[in-house]
Amino acid sequence: MQQTNSGIAYILWCLCFFGICGGQRFYTGQIGSGLVYLFTVGFFGIGQLIDLALIPGMVEKRNIYLRGLHGNGTPSVNQSVTLNIGEIPQLRQLQAIEPSTLSTGSPMQKLLKAAKEHNGQLSIAQAAMYTELESEHLKELLQEATKMGYAEVNNDPNTGAIRYHFDV
């Protein structure tokens, strides 16, 4: 499975010096904003500069998306999936559990409980605090949550920080 690379994204960013802006956005699968950048000279140069800080998050989000496409039971590029919480047996079971019992539950249960307490949105630091996992195990847990469709990854529009959005 081909993964995106921050180095290549930064090289494509450098194309702005030749008048071609938005290459990093096309590379990370953000075609719409790539077109805007192409026709507005990187959103008048401001967007191009901001992207210097956002590229790692854009690459990570694209890689998570690509891993999800190649996982077992995930939709192909041309398919879309809409799930209700009742259609996911694990989440249906979690709804019946008393919140006080989740503190001793699995890391995924702790993660979902934390997401519910934070209106469905968690930062990586919040996820680490609630699950008490080391960074490598936390990364695997968050990847599993996105692969299973429990969460999707976005960048905070103000800070560019990675945020996990859960449908709880």
Protein backbone atom coordinates (compact mmCIF):
# COMPACT_ATOMS: atom_id res chain seq x y z
CA MET A 1 0.00 0.00 0.00
CA GLN A 2 1.42 3.37 -1.05
CA GLN A 3 1.67 5.92 1.77
CA THR A 4 2.17 9.65 1.48
CA ASN A 5 5.37 11.23 2.71
CA SER A 6 5.95 14.61 4.37
CA GLY A 7 9.19 15.13 2.46
CA ILE A 8 7.46 14.83 -0.89
CA ALA A 9 4.67 17.13 0.31
CA TYR A 10 7.25 19.77 1.25
CA ILE A 11 8.94 19.40 -2.16
CA LEU A 12 5.56 19.92 -3.83
CA TRP A 13 5.03 22.94 -1.59
CA CYS A 14 8.23 24.40 -3.04
CA LEU A 15 6.62 24.47 -6.48
CA CYS A 16 5.02 27.73 -5.32
CA PHE A 17 8.35 29.42 -6.09
CA PHE A 18 7.65 28.56 -9.74
CA GLY A 19 4.05 29.79 -9.60
CA ILE A 20 2.42 26.38 -9.07
CA CYS A 21 0.69 26.41 -5.71
CA GLY A 22 -1.31 23.69 -3.98
CA GLY A 23 0.72 20.66 -5.02
CA GLN A 24 0.94 19.53 -1.41
CA ARG A 25 -2.86 19.63 -1.18
CA PHE A 26 -3.35 17.53 -4.31
CA TYR A 27 -0.77 15.05 -3.00
CA THR A 28 -2.61 14.68 0.33
CA GLY A 29 -5.95 14.11 -1.38
CA GLN A 30 -7.41 17.58 -0.80
CA ILE A 31 -8.36 18.22 -4.42
CA GLY A 32 -10.87 21.00 -3.75
CA SER A 33 -8.52 23.15 -1.71
CA GLY A 34 -5.70 22.24 -4.12
CA LEU A 35 -7.69 23.79 -6.95
CA VAL A 36 -8.39 26.88 -4.85
CA TYR A 37 -4.67 27.21 -4.10
CA LEU A 38 -3.78 26.67 -7.76
CA PHE A 39 -6.08 29.43 -9.00
CA THR A 40 -5.51 31.89 -6.14
CA VAL A 41 -1.71 31.51 -5.94
CA GLY A 42 -1.82 29.61 -2.67
CA PHE A 43 -4.77 31.59 -1.34
CA PHE A 44 -2.78 34.76 -1.96
CA GLY A 45 0.34 33.24 -0.42
CA ILE A 46 -1.14 33.14 3.08
CA GLY A 47 -2.49 29.61 2.73
CA GLN A 48 0.81 28.44 1.28
CA LEU A 49 2.67 29.73 4.36
CA ILE A 50 0.15 28.22 6.76
CA ASP A 51 0.53 24.87 5.02
CA LEU A 52 4.16 24.72 6.14
CA ALA A 53 2.82 23.91 9.60
CA LEU A 54 -0.16 21.84 8.43
CA ILE A 55 1.64 19.45 6.06
CA PRO A 56 2.50 16.80 8.71
CA GLY A 57 -1.14 16.61 9.80
CA MET A 58 -2.40 16.49 6.21
CA VAL A 59 0.01 13.64 5.43
CA GLU A 60 -0.99 11.72 8.57
CA LYS A 61 -4.69 12.14 7.80
CA ARG A 62 -4.14 10.91 4.23
CA ASN A 63 -2.15 7.90 5.44
CA ILE A 64 -4.88 6.97 7.92
CA TYR A 65 -7.43 7.24 5.12
CA LEU A 66 -5.31 5.06 2.83
CA ARG A 67 -4.82 2.44 5.54
CA GLY A 68 -8.58 2.38 6.06
CA LEU A 69 -9.16 1.79 2.35
CA HIS A 70 -6.86 -1.21 2.35
CA GLY A 71 -8.11 -2.76 5.60
CA ASN A 72 -10.48 -5.71 5.81
CA GLY A 73 -14.13 -4.89 5.30
CA THR A 74 -13.58 -1.23 4.50
CA PRO A 75 -15.27 0.43 1.55
CA SER A 76 -13.53 0.97 -1.75
CA VAL A 77 -12.85 4.47 -3.08
CA ASN A 78 -16.19 4.55 -4.93
CA GLN A 79 -18.30 3.32 -2.01
CA SER A 80 -19.62 5.22 0.95
CA VAL A 81 -20.81 3.82 4.24
CA THR A 82 -23.38 5.28 6.60
CA LEU A 83 -23.63 3.57 9.96
CA ASN A 84 -26.00 4.20 12.79
CA ILE A 85 -24.75 3.53 16.29
CA GLY A 86 -27.24 0.64 16.56
CA GLU A 87 -25.59 -1.07 13.58
CA ILE A 88 -22.24 -1.43 15.38
CA PRO A 89 -22.57 -4.22 17.94
CA GLN A 90 -19.67 -3.01 20.08
CA LEU A 91 -21.15 0.50 20.39
CA ARG A 92 -24.64 -0.87 21.04
CA GLN A 93 -23.17 -2.86 23.94
CA LEU A 94 -21.40 0.23 25.25
CA GLN A 95 -24.67 2.15 25.40
CA ALA A 96 -26.00 -0.39 27.92
CA ILE A 97 -22.95 -0.13 30.20
CA GLU A 98 -23.08 2.20 33.16
CA PRO A 99 -20.52 5.01 32.76
CA SER A 100 -18.97 4.26 36.16
CA THR A 101 -18.00 0.75 35.01
CA LEU A 102 -16.12 2.05 31.97
CA SER A 103 -13.19 3.32 34.02
CA THR A 104 -12.10 -0.28 34.50
CA GLY A 105 -12.94 -1.25 30.90
CA SER A 106 -10.75 -1.81 27.88
CA PRO A 107 -8.69 1.03 26.41
CA MET A 108 -11.23 1.36 23.57
CA GLN A 109 -14.05 1.71 26.09
CA LYS A 110 -12.09 4.37 27.97
CA LEU A 111 -11.45 6.18 24.69
CA LEU A 112 -15.12 6.13 23.72
CA LYS A 113 -16.18 7.29 27.19
CA ALA A 114 -13.71 10.17 27.01
CA ALA A 115 -15.01 11.10 23.56
CA LYS A 116 -18.57 11.12 24.86
CA GLU A 117 -17.56 13.42 27.74
CA HIS A 118 -15.90 15.82 25.26
CA ASN A 119 -18.77 16.08 22.76
CA GLY A 120 -17.24 13.48 20.46
CA GLN A 121 -13.93 15.29 19.95
CA LEU A 122 -10.54 14.37 21.43
CA SER A 123 -6.99 15.53 21.00
CA ILE A 124 -4.16 13.03 21.20
CA ALA A 125 -3.21 14.36 24.64
CA GLN A 126 -6.75 13.91 25.93
CA ALA A 127 -6.85 10.35 24.56
CA ALA A 128 -3.55 9.59 26.30
CA MET A 129 -4.79 11.04 29.58
CA TYR A 130 -8.00 8.99 29.62
CA THR A 131 -6.60 5.68 28.34
CA GLU A 132 -3.29 5.92 30.25
CA LEU A 133 -1.53 4.25 27.31
CA GLU A 134 2.02 4.80 26.11
CA SER A 135 2.29 6.72 22.84
CA GLU A 136 2.89 3.68 20.61
CA HIS A 137 -0.09 1.77 22.03
CA LEU A 138 -2.24 4.91 21.91
CA LYS A 139 -1.36 5.41 18.25
CA GLU A 140 -2.42 1.81 17.52
CA LEU A 141 -5.67 2.29 19.45
CA LEU A 142 -6.54 5.49 17.58
CA GLN A 143 -5.73 3.85 14.25
CA GLU A 144 -7.98 0.93 15.20
CA ALA A 145 -10.78 3.36 16.13
CA THR A 146 -10.54 5.03 12.71
CA LYS A 147 -10.26 1.70 10.91
CA MET A 148 -13.39 0.41 12.66
CA GLY A 149 -15.28 3.59 11.80
CA TYR A 150 -15.60 4.80 15.38
CA ALA A 151 -13.67 7.99 14.63
CA GLU A 152 -12.41 10.17 11.84
CA VAL A 153 -9.34 12.36 11.89
CA ASN A 154 -9.36 16.08 11.12
CA ASN A 155 -7.17 19.07 11.78
CA ASP A 156 -8.39 21.78 14.13
CA PRO A 157 -9.24 24.74 11.85
CA ASN A 158 -7.62 27.22 14.24
CA THR A 159 -4.48 25.45 15.40
CA GLY A 160 -3.97 22.71 12.83
CA ALA A 161 -3.67 20.15 15.64
CA ILE A 162 -4.96 16.64 14.98
CA ARG A 163 -8.43 15.98 16.38
CA TYR A 164 -10.33 12.70 16.48
CA HIS A 165 -14.08 13.03 15.98
CA PHE A 166 -16.21 10.19 17.39
CA ASP A 167 -19.88 9.59 16.67
CA VAL A 168 -20.98 9.04 20.27
